[in-house]
PDB file of N, CA and C in Angstrom:
ATOM      1  N   MET A   1      99.164-137.951  67.951  1.00  0.00           N
ATOM      2  CA  MET A   1      98.605-138.615  66.794  1.00  0.00           C
ATOM      3  C   MET A   1      97.198-138.091  66.548  1.00  0.00           C
ATOM      4  N   SER A   2      97.029-137.480  65.419  1.00  0.00           N
ATOM      5  CA  SER A   2      95.727-136.920  65.100  1.00  0.00           C
ATOM      6  C   SER A   2      94.844-137.913  64.351  1.00  0.00           C
ATOM      7  N   GLU A   3      95.424-138.935  63.826  1.00  0.00           N
ATOM      8  CA  GLU A   3      94.681-139.908  63.024  1.00  0.00           C
ATOM      9  C   GLU A   3      94.588-141.234  63.766  1.00  0.00           C
ATOM     10  N   LYS A   4      93.473-141.910  63.635  1.00  0.00           N
ATOM     11  CA  LYS A   4      93.324-143.215  64.280  1.00  0.00           C
ATOM     12  C   LYS A   4      94.097-144.287  63.519  1.00  0.00           C
ATOM     13  N   MET A   5      94.390-145.344  64.214  1.00  0.00           N
ATOM     14  CA  MET A   5      95.035-146.486  63.576  1.00  0.00           C
ATOM     15  C   MET A   5      93.961-147.366  62.967  1.00  0.00           C
ATOM     16  N   GLU A   6      94.301-147.975  61.824  1.00  0.00           N
ATOM     17  CA  GLU A   6      93.353-148.838  61.113  1.00  0.00           C
ATOM     18  C   GLU A   6      94.065-150.124  60.715  1.00  0.00           C
ATOM     19  N   GLU A   7      93.450-151.254  61.012  1.00  0.00           N
ATOM     20  CA  GLU A   7      94.012-152.537  60.600  1.00  0.00           C
ATOM     21  C   GLU A   7      93.809-152.727  59.098  1.00  0.00           C
ATOM     22  N   VAL A   8      94.810-153.301  58.461  1.00  0.00           N
ATOM     23  CA  VAL A   8      94.720-153.649  57.042  1.00  0.00           C
ATOM     24  C   VAL A   8      94.830-155.165  56.954  1.00  0.00           C
ATOM     25  N   ALA A   9      93.901-155.775  56.234  1.00  0.00           N
ATOM     26  CA  ALA A   9      93.928-157.235  56.070  1.00  0.00           C
ATOM     27  C   ALA A   9      93.384-157.591  54.695  1.00  0.00           C
ATOM     28  N   THR A  10      93.935-158.640  54.126  1.00  0.00           N
ATOM     29  CA  THR A  10      93.470-159.142  52.842  1.00  0.00           C
ATOM     30  C   THR A  10      93.638-160.654  52.797  1.00  0.00           C
ATOM     31  N   SER A  11      92.753-161.316  52.096  1.00  0.00           N
ATOM     32  CA  SER A  11      92.876-162.767  51.923  1.00  0.00           C
ATOM     33  C   SER A  11      93.884-163.111  50.832  1.00  0.00           C
ATOM     34  N   TYR A  12      94.390-162.089  50.136  1.00  0.00           N
ATOM     35  CA  TYR A  12      95.387-162.312  49.077  1.00  0.00           C
ATOM     36  C   TYR A  12      96.806-162.415  49.622  1.00  0.00           C
ATOM     37  N   ALA A  13      96.940-162.340  50.940  1.00  0.00           N
ATOM     38  CA  ALA A  13      98.220-162.555  51.618  1.00  0.00           C
ATOM     39  C   ALA A  13      97.952-163.492  52.788  1.00  0.00           C
ATOM     40  N   PRO A  14      98.974-164.171  53.286  1.00  0.00           N
ATOM     41  CA  PRO A  14      98.761-165.107  54.385  1.00  0.00           C
ATOM     42  C   PRO A  14      98.223-164.404  55.630  1.00  0.00           C
ATOM     43  N   ALA A  15      97.358-165.076  56.351  1.00  0.00           N
ATOM     44  CA  ALA A  15      96.860-164.553  57.622  1.00  0.00           C
ATOM     45  C   ALA A  15      98.026-164.452  58.601  1.00  0.00           C
ATOM     46  N   ALA A  16      97.904-163.534  59.539  1.00  0.00           N
ATOM     47  CA  ALA A  16      98.936-163.378  60.566  1.00  0.00           C
ATOM     48  C   ALA A  16      99.099-164.688  61.333  1.00  0.00           C
ATOM     49  N   LEU A  17     100.340-165.018  61.662  1.00  0.00           N
ATOM     50  CA  LEU A  17     100.635-166.260  62.377  1.00  0.00           C
ATOM     51  C   LEU A  17     100.528-166.110  63.886  1.00  0.00           C
ATOM     52  N   GLY A  18     100.275-164.900  64.364  1.00  0.00           N
ATOM     53  CA  GLY A  18     100.217-164.655  65.801  1.00  0.00           C
ATOM     54  C   GLY A  18      99.346-163.458  66.114  1.00  0.00           C
ATOM     55  N   ALA A  19      99.637-162.825  67.230  1.00  0.00           N
ATOM     56  CA  ALA A  19      98.840-161.698  67.721  1.00  0.00           C
ATOM     57  C   ALA A  19      99.335-160.384  67.112  1.00  0.00           C
ATOM     58  N   TYR A  20      99.118-160.242  65.821  1.00  0.00           N
ATOM     59  CA  TYR A  20      99.501-159.013  65.119  1.00  0.00           C
ATOM     60  C   TYR A  20      98.660-158.879  63.863  1.00  0.00           C
ATOM     61  N   SER A  21      98.705-157.706  63.256  1.00  0.00           N
ATOM     62  CA  SER A  21      97.961-157.423  62.029  1.00  0.00           C
ATOM     63  C   SER A  21      98.865-157.623  60.823  1.00  0.00           C
ATOM     64  N   GLN A  22      98.276-157.917  59.668  1.00  0.00           N
ATOM     65  CA  GLN A  22      99.064-157.951  58.436  1.00  0.00           C
ATOM     66  C   GLN A  22      99.719-156.589  58.223  1.00  0.00           C
ATOM     67  N   ALA A  23      98.970-155.537  58.518  1.00  0.00           N
ATOM     68  CA  ALA A  23      99.503-154.174  58.428  1.00  0.00           C
ATOM     69  C   ALA A  23      98.629-153.249  59.257  1.00  0.00           C
ATOM     70  N   VAL A  24      99.189-152.087  59.566  1.00  0.00           N
ATOM     71  CA  VAL A  24      98.463-151.037  60.263  1.00  0.00           C
ATOM     72  C   VAL A  24      98.671-149.742  59.492  1.00  0.00           C
ATOM     73  N   LYS A  25      97.565-149.052  59.256  1.00  0.00           N
ATOM     74  CA  LYS A  25      97.592-147.763  58.566  1.00  0.00           C
ATOM     75  C   LYS A  25      97.449-146.673  59.628  1.00  0.00           C
ATOM     76  N   ALA A  26      98.394-145.717  59.639  1.00  0.00           N
ATOM     77  CA  ALA A  26      98.355-144.637  60.627  1.00  0.00           C
ATOM     78  C   ALA A  26      99.190-143.453  60.151  1.00  0.00           C
ATOM     79  N   ASN A  27      98.674-142.260  60.352  1.00  0.00           N
ATOM     80  CA  ASN A  27      99.419-141.021  60.092  1.00  0.00           C
ATOM     81  C   ASN A  27     100.058-140.958  58.710  1.00  0.00           C
ATOM     82  N   GLY A  28      99.344-141.409  57.695  1.00  0.00           N
ATOM     83  CA  GLY A  28      99.827-141.303  56.327  1.00  0.00           C
ATOM     84  C   GLY A  28     100.789-142.391  55.893  1.00  0.00           C
ATOM     85  N   PHE A  29     100.936-143.422  56.717  1.00  0.00           N
ATOM     86  CA  PHE A  29     101.826-144.534  56.389  1.00  0.00           C
ATOM     87  C   PHE A  29     101.114-145.861  56.596  1.00  0.00           C
ATOM     88  N   VAL A  30     101.624-146.891  55.927  1.00  0.00           N
ATOM     89  CA  VAL A  30     101.178-148.267  56.153  1.00  0.00           C
ATOM     90  C   VAL A  30     102.398-149.049  56.622  1.00  0.00           C
ATOM     91  N   PHE A  31     102.262-149.664  57.788  1.00  0.00           N
ATOM     92  CA  PHE A  31     103.336-150.456  58.383  1.00  0.00           C
ATOM     93  C   PHE A  31     102.986-151.929  58.177  1.00  0.00           C
ATOM     94  N   VAL A  32     103.702-152.572  57.253  1.00  0.00           N
ATOM     95  CA  VAL A  32     103.420-153.973  56.908  1.00  0.00           C
ATOM     96  C   VAL A  32     104.278-154.883  57.780  1.00  0.00           C
ATOM     97  N   SER A  33     103.611-155.801  58.466  1.00  0.00           N
ATOM     98  CA  SER A  33     104.335-156.778  59.284  1.00  0.00           C
ATOM     99  C   SER A  33     105.213-157.649  58.403  1.00  0.00           C
ATOM    100  N   GLY A  34     106.206-158.257  59.020  1.00  0.00           N
ATOM    101  CA  GLY A  34     107.105-159.140  58.289  1.00  0.00           C
ATOM    102  C   GLY A  34     106.333-160.218  57.547  1.00  0.00           C
ATOM    103  N   GLN A  35     106.656-160.362  56.275  1.00  0.00           N
ATOM    104  CA  GLN A  35     105.996-161.357  55.427  1.00  0.00           C
ATOM    105  C   GLN A  35     106.981-162.455  55.064  1.00  0.00           C
ATOM    106  N   LEU A  36     106.546-163.685  55.288  1.00  0.00           N
ATOM    107  CA  LEU A  36     107.311-164.837  54.836  1.00  0.00           C
ATOM    108  C   LEU A  36     106.902-165.123  53.395  1.00  0.00           C
ATOM    109  N   GLY A  37     107.630-165.994  52.761  1.00  0.00           N
ATOM    110  CA  GLY A  37     107.293-166.377  51.391  1.00  0.00           C
ATOM    111  C   GLY A  37     106.233-167.445  51.352  1.00  0.00           C
ATOM    112  N   ILE A  38     105.139-167.224  52.063  1.00  0.00           N
ATOM    113  CA  ILE A  38     104.042-168.189  52.125  1.00  0.00           C
ATOM    114  C   ILE A  38     103.031-167.874  51.034  1.00  0.00           C
ATOM    115  N   ASP A  39     102.675-168.886  50.282  1.00  0.00           N
ATOM    116  CA  ASP A  39     101.628-168.763  49.274  1.00  0.00           C
ATOM    117  C   ASP A  39     100.294-168.803  50.014  1.00  0.00           C
ATOM    118  N   PRO A  40      99.485-167.727  49.931  1.00  0.00           N
ATOM    119  CA  PRO A  40      98.232-167.717  50.682  1.00  0.00           C
ATOM    120  C   PRO A  40      97.237-168.790  50.226  1.00  0.00           C
ATOM    121  N   ALA A  41      97.382-169.276  49.018  1.00  0.00           N
ATOM    122  CA  ALA A  41      96.470-170.309  48.507  1.00  0.00           C
ATOM    123  C   ALA A  41      96.730-171.668  49.157  1.00  0.00           C
ATOM    124  N   THR A  42      97.994-171.933  49.490  1.00  0.00           N
ATOM    125  CA  THR A  42      98.340-173.245  50.039  1.00  0.00           C
ATOM    126  C   THR A  42      98.725-173.204  51.514  1.00  0.00           C
ATOM    127  N   GLY A  43      99.140-172.029  51.987  1.00  0.00           N
ATOM    128  CA  GLY A  43      99.626-171.919  53.361  1.00  0.00           C
ATOM    129  C   GLY A  43     101.030-172.449  53.539  1.00  0.00           C
ATOM    130  N   GLU A  44     101.683-172.768  52.428  1.00  0.00           N
ATOM    131  CA  GLU A  44     103.034-173.330  52.468  1.00  0.00           C
ATOM    132  C   GLU A  44     104.046-172.344  51.882  1.00  0.00           C
ATOM    133  N   LEU A  45     105.310-172.544  52.237  1.00  0.00           N
ATOM    134  CA  LEU A  45     106.367-171.730  51.645  1.00  0.00           C
ATOM    135  C   LEU A  45     106.385-171.951  50.139  1.00  0.00           C
ATOM    136  N   ALA A  46     106.584-170.870  49.398  1.00  0.00           N
ATOM    137  CA  ALA A  46     106.476-170.903  47.935  1.00  0.00           C
ATOM    138  C   ALA A  46     107.814-171.199  47.278  1.00  0.00           C
ATOM    139  N   GLY A  47     108.483-172.203  47.719  1.00  0.00           N
ATOM    140  CA  GLY A  47     109.757-172.579  47.124  1.00  0.00           C
ATOM    141  C   GLY A  47     110.774-172.926  48.182  1.00  0.00           C
ATOM    142  N   GLU A  48     111.850-173.531  47.732  1.00  0.00           N
ATOM    143  CA  GLU A  48     112.887-173.965  48.657  1.00  0.00           C
ATOM    144  C   GLU A  48     114.053-173.000  48.749  1.00  0.00           C
ATOM    145  N   THR A  49     114.145-172.048  47.806  1.00  0.00           N
ATOM    146  CA  THR A  49     115.269-171.119  47.823  1.00  0.00           C
ATOM    147  C   THR A  49     114.863-169.789  48.441  1.00  0.00           C
ATOM    148  N   ALA A  50     115.847-169.061  48.911  1.00  0.00           N
ATOM    149  CA  ALA A  50     115.599-167.743  49.481  1.00  0.00           C
ATOM    150  C   ALA A  50     115.037-166.798  48.426  1.00  0.00           C
ATOM    151  N   GLY A  51     115.481-166.921  47.201  1.00  0.00           N
ATOM    152  CA  GLY A  51     114.978-166.072  46.126  1.00  0.00           C
ATOM    153  C   GLY A  51     113.506-166.308  45.845  1.00  0.00           C
ATOM    154  N   GLU A  52     113.106-167.574  45.791  1.00  0.00           N
ATOM    155  CA  GLU A  52     111.692-167.905  45.567  1.00  0.00           C
ATOM    156  C   GLU A  52     110.823-167.396  46.718  1.00  0.00           C
ATOM    157  N   GLN A  53     111.306-167.588  47.930  1.00  0.00           N
ATOM    158  CA  GLN A  53     110.550-167.130  49.095  1.00  0.00           C
ATOM    159  C   GLN A  53     110.486-165.606  49.153  1.00  0.00           C
ATOM    160  N   ALA A  54     111.572-164.937  48.783  1.00  0.00           N
ATOM    161  CA  ALA A  54     111.575-163.471  48.759  1.00  0.00           C
ATOM    162  C   ALA A  54     110.575-162.948  47.740  1.00  0.00           C
ATOM    163  N   ALA A  55     110.514-163.561  46.568  1.00  0.00           N
ATOM    164  CA  ALA A  55     109.567-163.135  45.536  1.00  0.00           C
ATOM    165  C   ALA A  55     108.139-163.240  46.053  1.00  0.00           C
ATOM    166  N   GLN A  56     107.814-164.321  46.757  1.00  0.00           N
ATOM    167  CA  GLN A  56     106.464-164.487  47.310  1.00  0.00           C
ATOM    168  C   GLN A  56     106.211-163.499  48.438  1.00  0.00           C
ATOM    169  N   ALA A  57     107.194-163.280  49.296  1.00  0.00           N
ATOM    170  CA  ALA A  57     107.034-162.304  50.384  1.00  0.00           C
ATOM    171  C   ALA A  57     106.734-160.925  49.809  1.00  0.00           C
ATOM    172  N   LEU A  58     107.409-160.553  48.742  1.00  0.00           N
ATOM    173  CA  LEU A  58     107.174-159.260  48.102  1.00  0.00           C
ATOM    174  C   LEU A  58     105.789-159.204  47.454  1.00  0.00           C
ATOM    175  N   LYS A  59     105.329-160.311  46.882  1.00  0.00           N
ATOM    176  CA  LYS A  59     103.954-160.368  46.350  1.00  0.00           C
ATOM    177  C   LYS A  59     102.948-160.154  47.478  1.00  0.00           C
ATOM    178  N   ASN A  60     103.210-160.783  48.620  1.00  0.00           N
ATOM    179  CA  ASN A  60     102.322-160.628  49.772  1.00  0.00           C
ATOM    180  C   ASN A  60     102.277-159.172  50.229  1.00  0.00           C
ATOM    181  N   ILE A  61     103.442-158.539  50.279  1.00  0.00           N
ATOM    182  CA  ILE A  61     103.500-157.120  50.663  1.00  0.00           C
ATOM    183  C   ILE A  61     102.713-156.280  49.676  1.00  0.00           C
ATOM    184  N   LYS A  62     102.865-156.561  48.381  1.00  0.00           N
ATOM    185  CA  LYS A  62     102.127-155.810  47.364  1.00  0.00           C
ATOM    186  C   LYS A  62     100.620-155.944  47.572  1.00  0.00           C
ATOM    187  N   CYS A  63     100.150-157.143  47.824  1.00  0.00           N
ATOM    188  CA  CYS A  63      98.716-157.366  48.037  1.00  0.00           C
ATOM    189  C   CYS A  63      98.205-156.625  49.271  1.00  0.00           C
ATOM    190  N   ILE A  64      98.987-156.619  50.323  1.00  0.00           N
ATOM    191  CA  ILE A  64      98.595-155.910  51.547  1.00  0.00           C
ATOM    192  C   ILE A  64      98.555-154.406  51.286  1.00  0.00           C
ATOM    193  N   LEU A  65      99.546-153.896  50.586  1.00  0.00           N
ATOM    194  CA  LEU A  65      99.567-152.458  50.274  1.00  0.00           C
ATOM    195  C   LEU A  65      98.414-152.085  49.351  1.00  0.00           C
ATOM    196  N   ASP A  66      98.091-152.936  48.392  1.00  0.00           N
ATOM    197  CA  ASP A  66      96.929-152.691  47.526  1.00  0.00           C
ATOM    198  C   ASP A  66      95.661-152.598  48.377  1.00  0.00           C
ATOM    199  N   ALA A  67      95.514-153.492  49.348  1.00  0.00           N
ATOM    200  CA  ALA A  67      94.338-153.474  50.220  1.00  0.00           C
ATOM    201  C   ALA A  67      94.290-152.212  51.079  1.00  0.00           C
ATOM    202  N   ALA A  68      95.456-151.636  51.334  1.00  0.00           N
ATOM    203  CA  ALA A  68      95.536-150.411  52.142  1.00  0.00           C
ATOM    204  C   ALA A  68      95.289-149.156  51.309  1.00  0.00           C
ATOM    205  N   GLY A  69      95.183-149.314  49.995  1.00  0.00           N
ATOM    206  CA  GLY A  69      94.939-148.164  49.134  1.00  0.00           C
ATOM    207  C   GLY A  69      96.194-147.461  48.671  1.00  0.00           C
ATOM    208  N   THR A  70      97.315-148.133  48.754  1.00  0.00           N
ATOM    209  CA  THR A  70      98.575-147.586  48.249  1.00  0.00           C
ATOM    210  C   THR A  70      99.206-148.670  47.374  1.00  0.00           C
ATOM    211  N   GLY A  71     100.493-148.622  47.151  1.00  0.00           N
ATOM    212  CA  GLY A  71     101.113-149.629  46.303  1.00  0.00           C
ATOM    213  C   GLY A  71     102.579-149.825  46.640  1.00  0.00           C
ATOM    214  N   ILE A  72     103.138-150.855  46.049  1.00  0.00           N
ATOM    215  CA  ILE A  72     104.535-151.210  46.303  1.00  0.00           C
ATOM    216  C   ILE A  72     105.478-150.076  45.903  1.00  0.00           C
ATOM    217  N   GLU A  73     105.060-149.249  44.931  1.00  0.00           N
ATOM    218  CA  GLU A  73     105.905-148.135  44.487  1.00  0.00           C
ATOM    219  C   GLU A  73     105.995-147.020  45.534  1.00  0.00           C
ATOM    220  N   HIS A  74     105.194-147.109  46.601  1.00  0.00           N
ATOM    221  CA  HIS A  74     105.214-146.097  47.657  1.00  0.00           C
ATOM    222  C   HIS A  74     105.971-146.566  48.902  1.00  0.00           C
ATOM    223  N   VAL A  75     106.654-147.701  48.819  1.00  0.00           N
ATOM    224  CA  VAL A  75     107.446-148.186  49.953  1.00  0.00           C
ATOM    225  C   VAL A  75     108.616-147.229  50.172  1.00  0.00           C
ATOM    226  N   VAL A  76     108.753-146.783  51.418  1.00  0.00           N
ATOM    227  CA  VAL A  76     109.842-145.867  51.769  1.00  0.00           C
ATOM    228  C   VAL A  76     110.934-146.551  52.587  1.00  0.00           C
ATOM    229  N   ARG A  77     110.598-147.698  53.198  1.00  0.00           N
ATOM    230  CA  ARG A  77     111.571-148.403  54.036  1.00  0.00           C
ATOM    231  C   ARG A  77     111.240-149.880  54.046  1.00  0.00           C
ATOM    232  N   ALA A  78     112.253-150.716  53.955  1.00  0.00           N
ATOM    233  CA  ALA A  78     112.070-152.166  54.037  1.00  0.00           C
ATOM    234  C   ALA A  78     113.174-152.773  54.892  1.00  0.00           C
ATOM    235  N   THR A  79     112.848-153.876  55.528  1.00  0.00           N
ATOM    236  CA  THR A  79     113.832-154.640  56.289  1.00  0.00           C
ATOM    237  C   THR A  79     113.769-156.077  55.789  1.00  0.00           C
ATOM    238  N   ILE A  80     114.931-156.640  55.524  1.00  0.00           N
ATOM    239  CA  ILE A  80     115.028-158.027  55.069  1.00  0.00           C
ATOM    240  C   ILE A  80     115.764-158.823  56.140  1.00  0.00           C
ATOM    241  N   TYR A  81     115.142-159.896  56.570  1.00  0.00           N
ATOM    242  CA  TYR A  81     115.746-160.813  57.534  1.00  0.00           C
ATOM    243  C   TYR A  81     116.079-162.098  56.794  1.00  0.00           C
ATOM    244  N   LEU A  82     117.320-162.498  56.845  1.00  0.00           N
ATOM    245  CA  LEU A  82     117.785-163.698  56.149  1.00  0.00           C
ATOM    246  C   LEU A  82     118.228-164.745  57.155  1.00  0.00           C
ATOM    247  N   ARG A  83     117.895-165.994  56.894  1.00  0.00           N
ATOM    248  CA  ARG A  83     118.447-167.059  57.727  1.00  0.00           C
ATOM    249  C   ARG A  83     119.953-167.152  57.463  1.00  0.00           C
ATOM    250  N   ASN A  84     120.312-167.113  56.174  1.00  0.00           N
ATOM    251  CA  ASN A  84     121.722-167.220  55.790  1.00  0.00           C
ATOM    252  C   ASN A  84     122.133-165.960  55.038  1.00  0.00           C
ATOM    253  N   VAL A  85     123.087-165.241  55.573  1.00  0.00           N
ATOM    254  CA  VAL A  85     123.532-164.004  54.927  1.00  0.00           C
ATOM    255  C   VAL A  85     124.087-164.290  53.528  1.00  0.00           C
ATOM    256  N   GLU A  86     124.507-165.522  53.274  1.00  0.00           N
ATOM    257  CA  GLU A  86     125.014-165.905  51.957  1.00  0.00           C
ATOM    258  C   GLU A  86     123.931-165.811  50.877  1.00  0.00           C
ATOM    259  N   ASP A  87     122.666-165.769  51.277  1.00  0.00           N
ATOM    260  CA  ASP A  87     121.555-165.664  50.328  1.00  0.00           C
ATOM    261  C   ASP A  87     121.273-164.217  49.909  1.00  0.00           C
ATOM    262  N   PHE A  88     122.036-163.265  50.432  1.00  0.00           N
ATOM    263  CA  PHE A  88     121.744-161.855  50.177  1.00  0.00           C
ATOM    264  C   PHE A  88     121.681-161.520  48.686  1.00  0.00           C
ATOM    265  N   LYS A  89     122.643-161.968  47.923  1.00  0.00           N
ATOM    266  CA  LYS A  89     122.691-161.623  46.502  1.00  0.00           C
ATOM    267  C   LYS A  89     121.448-162.129  45.761  1.00  0.00           C
ATOM    268  N   GLU A  90     121.043-163.352  46.060  1.00  0.00           N
ATOM    269  CA  GLU A  90     119.864-163.943  45.424  1.00  0.00           C
ATOM    270  C   GLU A  90     118.587-163.178  45.802  1.00  0.00           C
ATOM    271  N   VAL A  91     118.460-162.840  47.079  1.00  0.00           N
ATOM    272  CA  VAL A  91     117.287-162.094  47.547  1.00  0.00           C
ATOM    273  C   VAL A  91     117.298-160.679  46.977  1.00  0.00           C
ATOM    274  N   ASP A  92     118.464-160.051  46.957  1.00  0.00           N
ATOM    275  CA  ASP A  92     118.572-158.691  46.421  1.00  0.00           C
ATOM    276  C   ASP A  92     118.167-158.642  44.948  1.00  0.00           C
ATOM    277  N   ALA A  93     118.472-159.680  44.197  1.00  0.00           N
ATOM    278  CA  ALA A  93     118.086-159.731  42.785  1.00  0.00           C
ATOM    279  C   ALA A  93     116.563-159.748  42.646  1.00  0.00           C
ATOM    280  N   ARG A  94     115.877-160.509  43.479  1.00  0.00           N
ATOM    281  CA  ARG A  94     114.408-160.548  43.449  1.00  0.00           C
ATOM    282  C   ARG A  94     113.822-159.207  43.891  1.00  0.00           C
ATOM    283  N   TYR A  95     114.425-158.608  44.897  1.00  0.00           N
ATOM    284  CA  TYR A  95     114.001-157.299  45.406  1.00  0.00           C
ATOM    285  C   TYR A  95     114.127-156.248  44.306  1.00  0.00           C
ATOM    286  N   ALA A  96     115.236-156.289  43.576  1.00  0.00           N
ATOM    287  CA  ALA A  96     115.482-155.310  42.501  1.00  0.00           C
ATOM    288  C   ALA A  96     114.472-155.446  41.365  1.00  0.00           C
ATOM    289  N   GLU A  97     113.881-156.625  41.177  1.00  0.00           N
ATOM    290  CA  GLU A  97     112.858-156.821  40.150  1.00  0.00           C
ATOM    291  C   GLU A  97     111.555-156.108  40.511  1.00  0.00           C
ATOM    292  N   VAL A  98     111.337-155.868  41.791  1.00  0.00           N
ATOM    293  CA  VAL A  98     110.099-155.261  42.275  1.00  0.00           C
ATOM    294  C   VAL A  98     110.235-153.747  42.408  1.00  0.00           C
ATOM    295  N   PHE A  99     111.340-153.303  42.966  1.00  0.00           N
ATOM    296  CA  PHE A  99     111.540-151.871  43.205  1.00  0.00           C
ATOM    297  C   PHE A  99     112.340-151.283  42.048  1.00  0.00           C
ATOM    298  N   ILE A 100     111.602-150.869  41.006  1.00  0.00           N
ATOM    299  CA  ILE A 100     112.233-150.445  39.759  1.00  0.00           C
ATOM    300  C   ILE A 100     112.203-148.926  39.559  1.00  0.00           C
ATOM    301  N   GLY A 101     111.582-148.194  40.471  1.00  0.00           N
ATOM    302  CA  GLY A 101     111.506-146.743  40.341  1.00  0.00           C
ATOM    303  C   GLY A 101     112.866-146.081  40.492  1.00  0.00           C
ATOM    304  N   SER A 102     112.917-144.804  40.185  1.00  0.00           N
ATOM    305  CA  SER A 102     114.186-144.077  40.279  1.00  0.00           C
ATOM    306  C   SER A 102     114.623-143.878  41.729  1.00  0.00           C
ATOM    307  N   VAL A 103     113.658-143.825  42.646  1.00  0.00           N
ATOM    308  CA  VAL A 103     113.983-143.722  44.074  1.00  0.00           C
ATOM    309  C   VAL A 103     113.662-145.061  44.721  1.00  0.00           C
ATOM    310  N   LYS A 104     114.684-145.723  45.195  1.00  0.00           N
ATOM    311  CA  LYS A 104     114.520-147.024  45.855  1.00  0.00           C
ATOM    312  C   LYS A 104     114.234-146.790  47.341  1.00  0.00           C
ATOM    313  N   PRO A 105     113.503-147.717  47.980  1.00  0.00           N
ATOM    314  CA  PRO A 105     113.255-147.574  49.420  1.00  0.00           C
ATOM    315  C   PRO A 105     114.558-147.649  50.216  1.00  0.00           C
ATOM    316  N   ALA A 106     114.582-146.945  51.340  1.00  0.00           N
ATOM    317  CA  ALA A 106     115.660-147.160  52.301  1.00  0.00           C
ATOM    318  C   ALA A 106     115.527-148.599  52.779  1.00  0.00           C
ATOM    319  N   ARG A 107     116.660-149.224  53.133  1.00  0.00           N
ATOM    320  CA  ARG A 107     116.581-150.653  53.449  1.00  0.00           C
ATOM    321  C   ARG A 107     117.718-151.074  54.362  1.00  0.00           C
ATOM    322  N   VAL A 108     117.449-152.104  55.117  1.00  0.00           N
ATOM    323  CA  VAL A 108     118.483-152.773  55.894  1.00  0.00           C
ATOM    324  C   VAL A 108     118.251-154.272  55.754  1.00  0.00           C
ATOM    325  N   ALA A 109     119.325-155.041  55.806  1.00  0.00           N
ATOM    326  CA  ALA A 109     119.222-156.499  55.742  1.00  0.00           C
ATOM    327  C   ALA A 109     120.077-157.099  56.854  1.00  0.00           C
ATOM    328  N   PHE A 110     119.542-158.125  57.501  1.00  0.00           N
ATOM    329  CA  PHE A 110     120.232-158.829  58.576  1.00  0.00           C
ATOM    330  C   PHE A 110     120.346-160.295  58.211  1.00  0.00           C
ATOM    331  N   GLY A 111     121.476-160.888  58.495  1.00  0.00           N
ATOM    332  CA  GLY A 111     121.664-162.319  58.272  1.00  0.00           C
ATOM    333  C   GLY A 111     121.689-163.081  59.573  1.00  0.00           C
ATOM    334  N   ASN A 112     121.664-164.400  59.457  1.00  0.00           N
ATOM    335  CA  ASN A 112     121.771-165.322  60.589  1.00  0.00           C
ATOM    336  C   ASN A 112     120.613-165.206  61.569  1.00  0.00           C
ATOM    337  N   ASN A 113     119.396-165.125  61.027  1.00  0.00           N
ATOM    338  CA  ASN A 113     118.183-165.038  61.831  1.00  0.00           C
ATOM    339  C   ASN A 113     117.439-166.364  61.827  1.00  0.00           C
ATOM    340  N   MET A 114     116.818-166.677  62.935  1.00  0.00           N
ATOM    341  CA  MET A 114     115.891-167.808  62.985  1.00  0.00           C
ATOM    342  C   MET A 114     114.520-167.240  62.642  1.00  0.00           C
ATOM    343  N   ILE A 115     113.925-167.728  61.575  1.00  0.00           N
ATOM    344  CA  ILE A 115     112.669-167.189  61.054  1.00  0.00           C
ATOM    345  C   ILE A 115     111.576-168.253  61.220  1.00  0.00           C
ATOM    346  N   PRO A 116     110.354-167.834  61.570  1.00  0.00           N
ATOM    347  CA  PRO A 116     109.276-168.813  61.775  1.00  0.00           C
ATOM    348  C   PRO A 116     109.051-169.715  60.561  1.00  0.00           C
ATOM    349  N   LYS A 117     108.483-170.882  60.835  1.00  0.00           N
ATOM    350  CA  LYS A 117     108.094-171.878  59.829  1.00  0.00           C
ATOM    351  C   LYS A 117     109.270-172.403  58.998  1.00  0.00           C
ATOM    352  N   GLY A 118     110.493-172.214  59.474  1.00  0.00           N
ATOM    353  CA  GLY A 118     111.649-172.689  58.728  1.00  0.00           C
ATOM    354  C   GLY A 118     111.940-171.874  57.482  1.00  0.00           C
ATOM    355  N   ALA A 119     111.377-170.682  57.391  1.00  0.00           N
ATOM    356  CA  ALA A 119     111.577-169.829  56.217  1.00  0.00           C
ATOM    357  C   ALA A 119     113.020-169.347  56.127  1.00  0.00           C
ATOM    358  N   LEU A 120     113.422-168.999  54.914  1.00  0.00           N
ATOM    359  CA  LEU A 120     114.769-168.503  54.665  1.00  0.00           C
ATOM    360  C   LEU A 120     114.842-166.988  54.635  1.00  0.00           C
ATOM    361  N   VAL A 121     113.687-166.331  54.475  1.00  0.00           N
ATOM    362  CA  VAL A 121     113.659-164.876  54.373  1.00  0.00           C
ATOM    363  C   VAL A 121     112.323-164.350  54.908  1.00  0.00           C
ATOM    364  N   GLU A 122     112.381-163.153  55.480  1.00  0.00           N
ATOM    365  CA  GLU A 122     111.202-162.423  55.920  1.00  0.00           C
ATOM    366  C   GLU A 122     111.436-160.965  55.561  1.00  0.00           C
ATOM    367  N   ILE A 123     110.412-160.287  55.073  1.00  0.00           N
ATOM    368  CA  ILE A 123     110.547-158.890  54.661  1.00  0.00           C
ATOM    369  C   ILE A 123     109.395-158.098  55.244  1.00  0.00           C
ATOM    370  N   ASP A 124     109.717-156.944  55.858  1.00  0.00           N
ATOM    371  CA  ASP A 124     108.663-156.015  56.274  1.00  0.00           C
ATOM    372  C   ASP A 124     108.844-154.707  55.512  1.00  0.00           C
ATOM    373  N   ALA A 125     107.833-153.844  55.573  1.00  0.00           N
ATOM    374  CA  ALA A 125     107.886-152.607  54.786  1.00  0.00           C
ATOM    375  C   ALA A 125     107.053-151.521  55.439  1.00  0.00           C
ATOM    376  N   ILE A 126     107.444-150.298  55.143  1.00  0.00           N
ATOM    377  CA  ILE A 126     106.669-149.107  55.493  1.00  0.00           C
ATOM    378  C   ILE A 126     106.444-148.361  54.196  1.00  0.00           C
ATOM    379  N   ALA A 127     105.187-148.000  53.932  1.00  0.00           N
ATOM    380  CA  ALA A 127     104.844-147.290  52.701  1.00  0.00           C
ATOM    381  C   ALA A 127     104.055-146.030  53.023  1.00  0.00           C
ATOM    382  N   ALA A 128     104.223-145.023  52.179  1.00  0.00           N
ATOM    383  CA  ALA A 128     103.395-143.830  52.269  1.00  0.00           C
ATOM    384  C   ALA A 128     102.043-144.133  51.638  1.00  0.00           C
ATOM    385  N   VAL A 129     101.011-143.507  52.168  1.00  0.00           N
ATOM    386  CA  VAL A 129      99.663-143.702  51.612  1.00  0.00           C
ATOM    387  C   VAL A 129      99.496-142.807  50.413  1.00  0.00           C
TER     388      VAL A 129
END
């Protein structure tokens, strides 16, 4: 590794819930930690549905990437963790509203996960700088 690692943090996304960074910038990429659908203004989940929470999680990712000097359009990989796999279609619809470019990020989604704070969805991302 020729480049140092740099922590990325912004008050426009929820603070980390544990011993980790909101994101880390290294070697031309930004690695965004899993984001819940928490509204940073209230500290609470931004809705009761997986779709509402996914929309907020994606907003949080966008804010973190903006703070890192890149943007949501530079996401190359995302992972979606769902409490209920039945929510996939609803979450995918919200995801498709954000990733509108001709090249979509590589992605994987997992269902039947226990997610912190009783959340229904968590999303992490890797973006190019």
